Amino acid sequence: MTSQNSKTESSGDKPSMEEFYAKRKKIYVRKVHGVFARLRSLAVIVLFAIFYGLPWINYGGHQAVLWDLEHRQFHVFGTTFWPQDFFYLAVIFIIMAYLLFFVTALAGRLWCGYACPQTVYTEFFMWVERLIEGDRPQQMKLDKMPWNREKILKKASKHLIWIAFSLFTGFTLAGYFFPIRELLPALVTGTATGWATFWTFFYALATWGLGAMMREQVCTYICPYARFQSAMFDRDTLIISYDEERGEPRGHRKKNMPEEEAAKLGDCVDCTMCVQVCPTGIDIRDGLQYQCIACAACIDACDEIMEKVGKPKGLIKYTTEHAMQGRETKILRLRTLIYATILVALVGGLLYSVSQRVPLELDVMKDRNTLYRENGEGMLENVYIMKIANMDVKDHTYQLSVSGLDGISLLEDAAQPIPVKSGEVLTKIIKVEVDPGNVPETTNDIVFHIQALDNPELVDDQKSRFIGPMR
């Protein structure tokens, strides 16, 4: 690269496009066996079971998890949230971000290797590809083969399965936002809403394009996590590393190689198996690289080779920079303790807030157009704008009352029971009156109290102020 750049500068020519962008070379990933391969397969099975099975579970008479955007209701295992509860969603996103930071500081790109949707879907697409086209050598041979009946059948079958799976994935995702049992017949008959149809096919296209076609390019060029992960790494972060001191100089062991020549070589036999099983096509022996997703396929492959050549396992392994230098690795350090403390505080606060949550919200605002007025009966009146949000799945009738000053009361229909439908935000103008002799200050604290008549546990209080004459 250096000589090429020098040549460009000396000639005065502008750099060609080839120097900025190289056409993608397809990576043929060899199947690997081992502990980490089994863990990845288990992760795929568990995550698929959750994602594809959860929408079909019913709880409390309706879909257990349903973000019903049309009716602005978010059902999560019997608890219904409304747009007024958007705060909880923001807290969940913050928790997920800190959890990612914590896992990265502690165990590197463990998320990327085992739980990232891109990794999970790519694993499935590669499994289908191997099932139809065979392992790495057979795939390479098939691609070099001229187009004939065998090649057309295999390629077409592979893509048909990929597309069918992607459509099912898109349908499942849409089923989290539209009742899934109603969505399937609606899509088949063409009566589904435009948004339901759009998201089904859009996510299907994204799944097929990113997981089946682009694969490692998403991790290498698109995903921002690969770029800023180094900011969360330190010398105690778990990484996948090649033991250069033990492995170098690398070289093949020939059958009749003299013992003294073999003794000069390191344990690495330069079989390139670690490269052939890497889903991003890197050589881990070149050191830690941002393309590495920590899937540990290279560990399984290298351990298998070491076992065959009679060498100890662990030439490539999970380790830390401090461990490689012979120093102690500290799991509990300032960075991880800070992340853990913030996570515990956020999760604890969220759980407590949800457990204390009442699906009722009262908001009372003083009318600023009129501070106060004296009515025909000689009483002081204040006008307020009241909003009642019924965030329950049932309709309720509420009773409103006011306290804080002797003899204070509600006027007109505000004192009558107030029916509010499920999910409705009722806005109402209310008036409050009190005898002038019971108003000691210009500004006086009062409290509005609301309670459901059919469920006494649904209560809420709202503080406000009653304005009187200047004292």
Protein backbone atom coordinates (compact mmCIF):
# COMPACT_ATOMS: atom_id res chain seq x y z
CA MET A 1 0.00 0.00 0.00
CA THR A 2 2.86 2.36 0.76
CA SER A 3 4.59 1.84 -2.57
CA GLN A 4 1.29 2.22 -4.37
CA ASN A 5 0.57 5.52 -2.65
CA SER A 6 4.08 6.79 -3.45
CA LYS A 7 3.64 5.90 -7.06
CA THR A 8 0.37 7.77 -7.21
CA GLU A 9 1.84 10.88 -5.62
CA SER A 10 4.94 10.92 -7.85
CA SER A 11 2.95 10.47 -11.05
CA GLY A 12 0.49 13.21 -10.10
CA ASP A 13 -2.42 11.01 -11.20
CA LYS A 14 -5.65 10.93 -9.26
CA PRO A 15 -6.28 7.71 -7.32
CA SER A 16 -8.43 5.21 -9.18
CA MET A 17 -11.68 3.87 -7.78
CA GLU A 18 -10.06 0.46 -7.24
CA GLU A 19 -7.87 2.00 -4.56
CA PHE A 20 -10.91 3.14 -2.59
CA TYR A 21 -13.26 0.23 -3.21
CA ALA A 22 -12.55 -3.40 -3.95
CA LYS A 23 -15.28 -5.64 -5.27
CA ARG A 24 -16.51 -8.08 -2.66
CA LYS A 25 -15.03 -11.52 -2.80
CA LYS A 26 -17.44 -14.16 -1.62
CA ILE A 27 -16.40 -15.79 1.62
CA TYR A 28 -16.87 -19.54 1.68
CA VAL A 29 -17.21 -20.44 5.34
CA ARG A 30 -16.22 -23.97 6.29
CA LYS A 31 -18.41 -25.83 8.78
CA VAL A 32 -16.80 -26.15 12.18
CA HIS A 33 -17.44 -28.43 15.15
CA GLY A 34 -16.71 -27.72 18.78
CA VAL A 35 -17.92 -26.23 22.04
CA PHE A 36 -18.45 -22.71 20.73
CA ALA A 37 -20.14 -23.94 17.56
CA ARG A 38 -22.66 -25.78 19.73
CA LEU A 39 -23.18 -22.67 21.85
CA ARG A 40 -23.89 -20.61 18.73
CA SER A 41 -26.37 -23.22 17.48
CA LEU A 42 -28.06 -23.23 20.89
CA ALA A 43 -28.26 -19.42 20.84
CA VAL A 44 -29.88 -19.51 17.38
CA ILE A 45 -32.47 -22.07 18.52
CA VAL A 46 -33.35 -20.19 21.73
CA LEU A 47 -33.57 -16.77 20.06
CA PHE A 48 -35.62 -18.13 17.16
CA ALA A 49 -37.98 -19.87 19.60
CA ILE A 50 -38.53 -16.59 21.46
CA PHE A 51 -38.92 -14.39 18.39
CA TYR A 52 -41.16 -16.70 16.33
CA GLY A 53 -43.12 -18.19 19.25
CA LEU A 54 -43.87 -15.16 21.42
CA PRO A 55 -46.54 -13.56 19.17
CA TRP A 56 -48.61 -16.75 19.25
CA ILE A 57 -48.86 -16.83 23.05
CA ASN A 58 -52.06 -15.44 24.56
CA TYR A 59 -52.21 -13.92 28.02
CA GLY A 60 -55.16 -12.28 29.74
CA GLY A 61 -57.49 -12.76 26.78
CA HIS A 62 -55.31 -11.24 24.08
CA GLN A 63 -51.87 -11.53 22.50
CA ALA A 64 -49.23 -11.58 25.25
CA VAL A 65 -46.89 -9.14 23.48
CA LEU A 66 -48.58 -6.73 21.07
CA TRP A 67 -47.59 -3.17 20.23
CA ASP A 68 -50.95 -2.15 18.78
CA LEU A 69 -50.08 1.14 17.10
CA GLU A 70 -53.52 1.53 15.54
CA HIS A 71 -55.26 1.64 18.93
CA ARG A 72 -52.22 3.07 20.74
CA GLN A 73 -52.09 0.16 23.18
CA PHE A 74 -48.96 -1.80 24.12
CA HIS A 75 -49.76 -5.14 25.75
CA VAL A 76 -46.95 -6.88 27.64
CA PHE A 77 -48.08 -10.01 29.53
CA GLY A 78 -51.27 -8.58 30.99
CA THR A 79 -50.03 -5.03 31.48
CA THR A 80 -51.24 -2.41 29.01
CA PHE A 81 -49.14 0.65 28.33
CA TRP A 82 -50.25 3.78 26.52
CA PRO A 83 -48.44 6.62 24.75
CA GLN A 84 -48.38 8.40 28.11
CA ASP A 85 -46.04 5.63 29.30
CA PHE A 86 -43.41 6.42 26.67
CA PHE A 87 -41.03 7.14 29.54
CA TYR A 88 -40.74 3.40 30.21
CA LEU A 89 -39.68 2.73 26.62
CA ALA A 90 -36.97 5.36 26.88
CA VAL A 91 -35.68 3.79 30.11
CA ILE A 92 -35.63 0.33 28.49
CA PHE A 93 -33.52 1.65 25.60
CA ILE A 94 -31.10 3.23 28.08
CA ILE A 95 -30.87 -0.07 29.99
CA MET A 96 -30.17 -1.97 26.77
CA ALA A 97 -27.42 0.50 25.86
CA TYR A 98 -25.72 0.21 29.25
CA LEU A 99 -26.09 -3.56 29.17
CA LEU A 100 -24.29 -3.59 25.83
CA PHE A 101 -21.55 -1.34 27.25
CA PHE A 102 -21.20 -3.59 30.29
CA VAL A 103 -20.99 -6.82 28.28
CA THR A 104 -18.51 -5.24 25.86
CA ALA A 105 -16.22 -3.96 28.63
CA LEU A 106 -16.37 -7.35 30.31
CA ALA A 107 -16.44 -9.87 27.46
CA GLY A 108 -15.72 -7.98 24.24
CA ARG A 109 -18.02 -8.59 21.28
CA LEU A 110 -19.88 -11.48 22.87
CA TRP A 111 -23.15 -9.92 21.71
CA CYS A 112 -21.96 -9.86 18.10
CA GLY A 113 -20.84 -13.46 18.11
CA TYR A 114 -23.90 -15.08 19.67
CA ALA A 115 -26.96 -12.81 19.91
CA CYS A 116 -26.84 -10.11 17.23
CA PRO A 117 -29.74 -10.61 14.76
CA GLN A 118 -27.30 -10.26 11.85
CA THR A 119 -25.18 -13.13 13.22
CA VAL A 120 -28.19 -15.28 14.08
CA TYR A 121 -29.82 -14.92 10.66
CA THR A 122 -26.52 -15.38 8.84
CA GLU A 123 -25.96 -18.64 10.73
CA PHE A 124 -29.34 -19.92 9.54
CA PHE A 125 -28.79 -18.86 5.93
CA MET A 126 -25.36 -20.55 5.89
CA TRP A 127 -26.91 -23.71 7.34
CA VAL A 128 -29.44 -23.80 4.47
CA GLU A 129 -26.65 -23.14 1.98
CA ARG A 130 -24.58 -26.06 3.30
CA LEU A 131 -27.64 -28.31 3.33
CA ILE A 132 -28.25 -27.73 -0.39
CA GLU A 133 -24.82 -26.93 -1.86
CA GLY A 134 -22.54 -28.76 0.55
CA ASP A 135 -19.62 -27.49 2.61
CA ARG A 136 -16.94 -25.02 1.54
CA PRO A 137 -15.21 -27.15 -1.14
CA GLN A 138 -18.51 -28.16 -2.75
CA GLN A 139 -19.73 -24.54 -2.76
CA MET A 140 -16.54 -23.32 -4.44
CA LYS A 141 -16.76 -26.10 -7.01
CA LEU A 142 -20.43 -25.32 -7.71
CA ASP A 143 -19.75 -21.60 -8.26
CA LYS A 144 -16.96 -22.37 -10.73
CA MET A 145 -19.21 -24.78 -12.59
CA PRO A 146 -20.97 -23.51 -15.76
CA TRP A 147 -24.69 -22.98 -15.47
CA ASN A 148 -26.34 -26.35 -15.92
CA ARG A 149 -29.35 -28.17 -14.55
CA GLU A 150 -27.67 -29.11 -11.26
CA LYS A 151 -26.43 -25.59 -10.56
CA ILE A 152 -29.74 -23.95 -11.45
CA LEU A 153 -31.72 -26.37 -9.25
CA LYS A 154 -29.44 -25.91 -6.26
CA LYS A 155 -29.22 -22.13 -6.52
CA ALA A 156 -32.96 -21.78 -7.10
CA SER A 157 -33.83 -24.12 -4.22
CA LYS A 158 -31.52 -22.25 -1.88
CA HIS A 159 -33.00 -18.86 -2.71
CA LEU A 160 -36.58 -20.14 -2.55
CA ILE A 161 -35.99 -21.41 0.99
CA TRP A 162 -34.23 -18.16 1.90
CA ILE A 163 -37.11 -16.07 0.55
CA ALA A 164 -39.77 -18.22 2.24
CA PHE A 165 -37.96 -17.93 5.55
CA SER A 166 -37.53 -14.17 5.10
CA LEU A 167 -41.25 -13.76 4.36
CA PHE A 168 -42.09 -15.72 7.50
CA THR A 169 -39.70 -13.48 9.44
CA GLY A 170 -41.34 -10.34 8.06
CA PHE A 171 -44.78 -11.72 8.87
CA THR A 172 -43.68 -12.53 12.43
CA LEU A 173 -42.27 -9.05 13.01
CA ALA A 174 -45.47 -7.46 11.71
CA GLY A 175 -47.33 -9.78 14.09
CA TYR A 176 -45.85 -7.86 17.01
CA PHE A 177 -47.63 -4.71 15.80
CA PHE A 178 -50.82 -6.19 14.32
CA PRO A 179 -52.74 -9.14 15.90
CA ILE A 180 -50.91 -12.08 14.34
CA ARG A 181 -53.92 -14.40 14.17
CA GLU A 182 -55.82 -11.78 12.19
CA LEU A 183 -52.79 -10.78 10.11
CA LEU A 184 -52.23 -14.12 8.39
CA PRO A 185 -55.70 -14.46 6.78
CA ALA A 186 -55.68 -10.71 6.01
CA LEU A 187 -52.40 -11.01 4.09
CA VAL A 188 -53.63 -14.09 2.24
CA THR A 189 -56.91 -12.47 1.21
CA GLY A 190 -55.33 -9.07 0.51
CA THR A 191 -57.41 -7.27 3.15
CA ALA A 192 -54.49 -6.35 5.42
CA THR A 193 -53.81 -2.68 6.06
CA GLY A 194 -51.22 -0.94 3.93
CA TRP A 195 -48.78 -0.60 6.82
CA ALA A 196 -49.07 -4.28 7.80
CA THR A 197 -48.36 -5.35 4.22
CA PHE A 198 -45.52 -2.86 3.84
CA TRP A 199 -43.66 -3.90 7.00
CA THR A 200 -44.13 -7.60 6.28
CA PHE A 201 -42.46 -7.37 2.89
CA PHE A 202 -39.97 -4.66 3.86
CA TYR A 203 -38.57 -6.66 6.77
CA ALA A 204 -38.59 -9.79 4.63
CA LEU A 205 -36.49 -7.97 2.05
CA ALA A 206 -34.16 -6.64 4.76
CA THR A 207 -33.73 -10.13 6.24
CA TRP A 208 -32.92 -11.68 2.87
CA GLY A 209 -30.67 -8.81 1.78
CA LEU A 210 -28.68 -8.40 4.98
CA GLY A 211 -28.52 -11.97 6.25
CA ALA A 212 -28.38 -13.96 3.01
CA MET A 213 -26.63 -11.65 0.55
CA MET A 214 -24.53 -9.04 2.36
CA ARG A 215 -23.54 -11.09 5.39
CA GLU A 216 -20.10 -9.98 6.63
CA GLN A 217 -20.40 -6.66 4.80
CA VAL A 218 -22.97 -5.55 7.38
CA CYS A 219 -20.48 -6.16 10.20
CA THR A 220 -17.55 -4.69 8.28
CA TYR A 221 -19.04 -1.60 6.63
CA ILE A 222 -22.52 -0.84 8.01
CA CYS A 223 -22.61 -1.66 11.71
CA PRO A 224 -21.36 1.31 13.79
CA TYR A 225 -20.69 -0.92 16.80
CA ALA A 226 -17.53 -2.26 15.20
CA ARG A 227 -16.20 1.28 14.98
CA PHE A 228 -16.73 2.48 18.54
CA GLN A 229 -16.26 -0.80 20.42
CA SER A 230 -12.57 -0.04 20.97
CA ALA A 231 -13.58 2.87 23.21
CA MET A 232 -15.02 0.33 25.67
CA PHE A 233 -12.09 -2.11 25.49
CA ASP A 234 -9.22 -2.17 27.94
CA ARG A 235 -6.44 -4.64 28.74
CA ASP A 236 -8.81 -6.69 30.92
CA THR A 237 -11.51 -7.10 28.26
CA LEU A 238 -12.04 -10.64 27.02
CA ILE A 239 -10.91 -11.01 23.40
CA ILE A 240 -10.04 -13.79 20.98
CA SER A 241 -6.31 -13.88 20.43
CA TYR A 242 -3.65 -15.96 18.74
CA ASP A 243 -0.65 -16.90 20.92
CA GLU A 244 2.08 -15.58 18.66
CA GLU A 245 4.90 -16.55 21.01
CA ARG A 246 3.79 -20.15 20.97
CA GLY A 247 2.68 -20.36 17.34
CA GLU A 248 5.54 -18.62 15.50
CA PRO A 249 7.35 -19.32 13.30
CA ARG A 250 4.47 -21.12 11.65
CA GLY A 251 4.95 -23.78 9.01
CA HIS A 252 3.80 -27.14 7.63
CA ARG A 253 5.14 -30.37 9.11
CA LYS A 254 6.37 -32.61 6.35
CA LYS A 255 6.51 -36.35 6.83
CA ASN A 256 10.28 -36.76 6.63
CA MET A 257 11.19 -33.41 8.20
CA PRO A 258 14.23 -33.70 10.48
CA GLU A 259 13.47 -33.25 14.16
CA GLU A 260 15.82 -30.29 14.51
CA GLU A 261 13.96 -28.42 11.73
CA ALA A 262 10.58 -29.29 13.22
CA ALA A 263 11.78 -28.07 16.62
CA LYS A 264 12.47 -24.65 15.16
CA LEU A 265 8.82 -24.25 14.13
CA GLY A 266 6.04 -23.01 16.38
CA ASP A 267 2.83 -24.91 17.05
CA CYS A 268 0.93 -23.23 14.18
CA VAL A 269 0.99 -25.58 11.19
CA ASP A 270 -0.31 -22.84 8.86
CA CYS A 271 -3.34 -24.88 7.85
CA THR A 272 -5.44 -21.69 7.48
CA MET A 273 -8.43 -23.46 9.04
CA CYS A 274 -8.92 -20.47 11.34
CA VAL A 275 -9.38 -18.31 8.24
CA GLN A 276 -11.64 -20.78 6.42
CA VAL A 277 -14.16 -20.97 9.28
CA CYS A 278 -14.24 -17.20 9.95
CA PRO A 279 -17.58 -15.67 8.86
CA THR A 280 -15.90 -12.32 8.16
CA GLY A 281 -12.88 -13.85 6.40
CA ILE A 282 -10.13 -12.40 8.61
CA ASP A 283 -6.93 -14.02 9.80
CA ILE A 284 -6.90 -13.87 13.59
CA ARG A 285 -3.14 -14.45 13.51
CA ASP A 286 -2.75 -10.88 12.28
CA GLY A 287 -3.98 -9.60 15.66
CA LEU A 288 -7.24 -8.15 16.96
CA GLN A 289 -9.26 -6.57 14.15
CA TYR A 290 -12.51 -4.64 14.14
CA GLN A 291 -14.03 -7.19 11.73
CA CYS A 292 -13.76 -9.93 14.39
CA ILE A 293 -17.20 -10.64 15.87
CA ALA A 294 -15.85 -12.97 18.59
CA CYS A 295 -17.84 -15.98 17.38
CA ALA A 296 -14.93 -18.27 18.40
CA ALA A 297 -15.18 -20.43 15.27
CA CYS A 298 -11.41 -20.08 14.89
CA ILE A 299 -10.92 -21.46 18.42
CA ASP A 300 -12.92 -24.59 17.62
CA ALA A 301 -11.07 -25.10 14.33
CA CYS A 302 -7.61 -24.57 15.82
CA ASP A 303 -8.29 -26.81 18.82
CA GLU A 304 -9.34 -29.60 16.46
CA ILE A 305 -6.12 -29.27 14.46
CA MET A 306 -3.97 -29.10 17.60
CA GLU A 307 -5.57 -32.31 18.82
CA LYS A 308 -4.75 -34.02 15.51
CA VAL A 309 -1.09 -32.96 15.51
CA GLY A 310 -0.63 -33.80 19.17
CA LYS A 311 -0.23 -30.23 20.46
CA PRO A 312 -1.97 -28.58 23.42
CA LYS A 313 -5.21 -26.74 22.71
CA GLY A 314 -5.46 -23.00 23.19
CA LEU A 315 -3.20 -21.68 20.45
CA ILE A 316 -6.19 -19.45 19.68
CA LYS A 317 -8.35 -18.75 22.72
CA TYR A 318 -10.44 -16.32 24.70
CA THR A 319 -8.06 -14.26 26.79
CA THR A 320 -7.12 -10.72 27.77
CA GLU A 321 -4.12 -8.55 26.99
CA HIS A 322 -3.04 -8.68 30.62
CA ALA A 323 -3.26 -12.47 30.64
CA MET A 324 -1.14 -12.64 27.49
CA GLN A 325 1.47 -10.51 29.27
CA GLY A 326 1.43 -12.82 32.28
CA ARG A 327 -0.39 -10.31 34.46
CA GLU A 328 -3.56 -10.70 36.52
CA THR A 329 -6.87 -10.01 34.81
CA LYS A 330 -9.23 -7.87 36.85
CA ILE A 331 -12.90 -8.50 36.19
CA LEU A 332 -14.12 -6.09 38.87
CA ARG A 333 -12.60 -2.78 37.85
CA LEU A 334 -13.80 0.80 37.83
CA ARG A 335 -15.37 0.66 34.36
CA THR A 336 -17.36 -2.53 34.93
CA LEU A 337 -18.40 -1.43 38.43
CA ILE A 338 -19.77 1.86 37.10
CA TYR A 339 -21.73 0.11 34.34
CA ALA A 340 -23.03 -2.51 36.79
CA THR A 341 -24.10 0.13 39.33
CA ILE A 342 -25.96 2.15 36.71
CA LEU A 343 -27.63 -1.00 35.38
CA VAL A 344 -28.80 -2.12 38.82
CA ALA A 345 -30.15 1.36 39.57
CA LEU A 346 -31.99 1.63 36.24
CA VAL A 347 -33.46 -1.87 36.35
CA GLY A 348 -34.46 -1.51 40.00
CA GLY A 349 -36.05 1.87 39.36
CA LEU A 350 -37.92 0.57 36.32
CA LEU A 351 -39.28 -2.49 38.14
CA TYR A 352 -40.37 -0.39 41.13
CA SER A 353 -42.02 2.20 38.90
CA VAL A 354 -43.92 -0.44 36.91
CA SER A 355 -45.00 -2.23 40.11
CA GLN A 356 -46.36 1.05 41.52
CA ARG A 357 -47.89 2.15 38.24
CA VAL A 358 -51.58 3.05 38.30
CA PRO A 359 -53.37 3.03 34.91
CA LEU A 360 -54.89 6.41 35.65
CA GLU A 361 -53.47 9.88 35.20
CA LEU A 362 -54.99 13.17 36.31
CA ASP A 363 -53.64 16.49 35.08
CA VAL A 364 -55.10 19.79 36.26
CA MET A 365 -53.91 23.15 34.94
CA LYS A 366 -55.03 26.54 36.20
CA ASP A 367 -56.75 28.67 33.56
CA ARG A 368 -54.41 31.61 33.07
CA ASN A 369 -56.99 33.86 31.38
CA THR A 370 -58.81 34.48 34.65
CA LEU A 371 -57.04 34.49 38.01
CA TYR A 372 -60.26 34.46 40.05
CA ARG A 373 -63.75 35.91 40.05
CA GLU A 374 -66.59 36.46 42.50
CA ASN A 375 -69.91 34.85 41.52
CA GLY A 376 -73.43 36.00 42.30
CA GLU A 377 -73.47 34.18 45.61
CA GLY A 378 -70.37 36.00 46.86
CA MET A 379 -68.08 32.96 46.47
CA LEU A 380 -64.61 33.04 44.90
CA GLU A 381 -64.22 30.92 41.76
CA ASN A 382 -61.18 29.53 39.95
CA VAL A 383 -61.33 27.82 36.56
CA TYR A 384 -59.16 24.81 35.67
CA ILE A 385 -58.50 22.64 32.62
CA MET A 386 -58.62 18.99 33.64
CA LYS A 387 -57.39 15.95 31.72
CA ILE A 388 -58.21 12.38 32.77
CA ALA A 389 -56.29 9.58 31.04
CA ASN A 390 -57.80 6.12 31.46
CA MET A 391 -54.83 3.84 30.72
CA ASP A 392 -56.66 0.66 31.69
CA VAL A 393 -58.08 -1.91 29.27
CA LYS A 394 -61.56 -1.32 30.75
CA ASP A 395 -63.93 1.65 30.81
CA HIS A 396 -64.25 3.32 34.21
CA THR A 397 -66.39 5.93 35.91
CA TYR A 398 -64.50 8.30 38.18
CA GLN A 399 -65.41 10.59 41.05
CA LEU A 400 -63.50 13.87 41.32
CA SER A 401 -63.10 15.83 44.56
CA VAL A 402 -61.02 18.74 45.81
CA SER A 403 -59.52 19.61 49.21
CA GLY A 404 -57.05 21.99 50.82
CA LEU A 405 -59.32 24.86 51.92
CA ASP A 406 -62.27 24.79 54.28
CA GLY A 407 -65.55 24.56 52.38
CA ILE A 408 -63.92 24.24 48.95
CA SER A 409 -66.08 22.40 46.41
CA LEU A 410 -66.57 21.61 42.73
CA LEU A 411 -69.22 23.32 40.67
CA GLU A 412 -71.70 21.97 38.13
CA ASP A 413 -71.08 18.59 36.49
CA ALA A 414 -67.50 18.30 37.75
CA ALA A 415 -68.94 16.99 41.01
CA GLN A 416 -70.87 14.27 39.17
CA PRO A 417 -69.42 10.85 38.22
CA ILE A 418 -67.28 11.13 35.09
CA PRO A 419 -67.25 8.18 32.64
CA VAL A 420 -64.02 7.70 30.65
CA LYS A 421 -63.52 4.99 28.04
CA SER A 422 -60.49 2.73 27.89
CA GLY A 423 -57.57 4.58 26.33
CA GLU A 424 -59.46 7.87 26.28
CA VAL A 425 -57.98 11.17 27.43
CA LEU A 426 -60.92 13.27 28.55
CA THR A 427 -60.46 17.06 28.65
CA LYS A 428 -62.90 19.04 30.75
CA ILE A 429 -63.29 22.61 32.06
CA ILE A 430 -64.03 22.58 35.79
CA LYS A 431 -64.81 25.30 38.30
CA VAL A 432 -63.97 25.41 42.00
CA GLU A 433 -65.54 27.73 44.57
CA VAL A 434 -64.80 28.66 48.17
CA ASP A 435 -65.95 31.25 50.67
CA PRO A 436 -63.63 34.32 50.60
CA GLY A 437 -63.26 34.08 54.36
CA ASN A 438 -61.61 30.66 53.94
CA VAL A 439 -58.93 31.96 51.55
CA PRO A 440 -56.08 33.11 53.82
CA GLU A 441 -53.48 33.84 51.14
CA THR A 442 -53.31 35.13 47.59
CA THR A 443 -51.96 31.74 46.45
CA ASN A 444 -53.24 28.67 48.27
CA ASP A 445 -52.31 25.00 47.79
CA ILE A 446 -55.15 22.62 46.99
CA VAL A 447 -55.34 18.96 45.91
CA PHE A 448 -57.60 17.34 43.32
CA HIS A 449 -58.41 13.70 44.04
CA ILE A 450 -59.87 11.22 41.56
CA GLN A 451 -60.98 7.64 42.18
CA ALA A 452 -62.66 4.96 40.07
CA LEU A 453 -66.06 4.06 41.47
CA ASP A 454 -65.82 0.44 40.29
CA ASN A 455 -62.19 -0.03 41.43
CA PRO A 456 -61.14 1.93 44.55
CA GLU A 457 -57.47 1.07 43.90
CA LEU A 458 -57.45 3.32 40.82
CA VAL A 459 -56.70 6.67 42.42
CA ASP A 460 -54.57 9.70 41.59
CA ASP A 461 -53.91 13.09 43.16
CA GLN A 462 -52.86 16.31 41.52
CA LYS A 463 -51.65 19.40 43.35
CA SER A 464 -52.68 22.82 42.17
CA ARG A 465 -53.26 26.34 43.48
CA PHE A 466 -56.30 28.43 44.25
CA ILE A 467 -55.85 32.15 43.55
CA GLY A 468 -57.58 34.73 45.71
CA PRO A 469 -57.45 38.55 46.22
CA MET A 470 -54.21 40.26 47.14
CA ARG A 471 -53.62 40.13 50.92
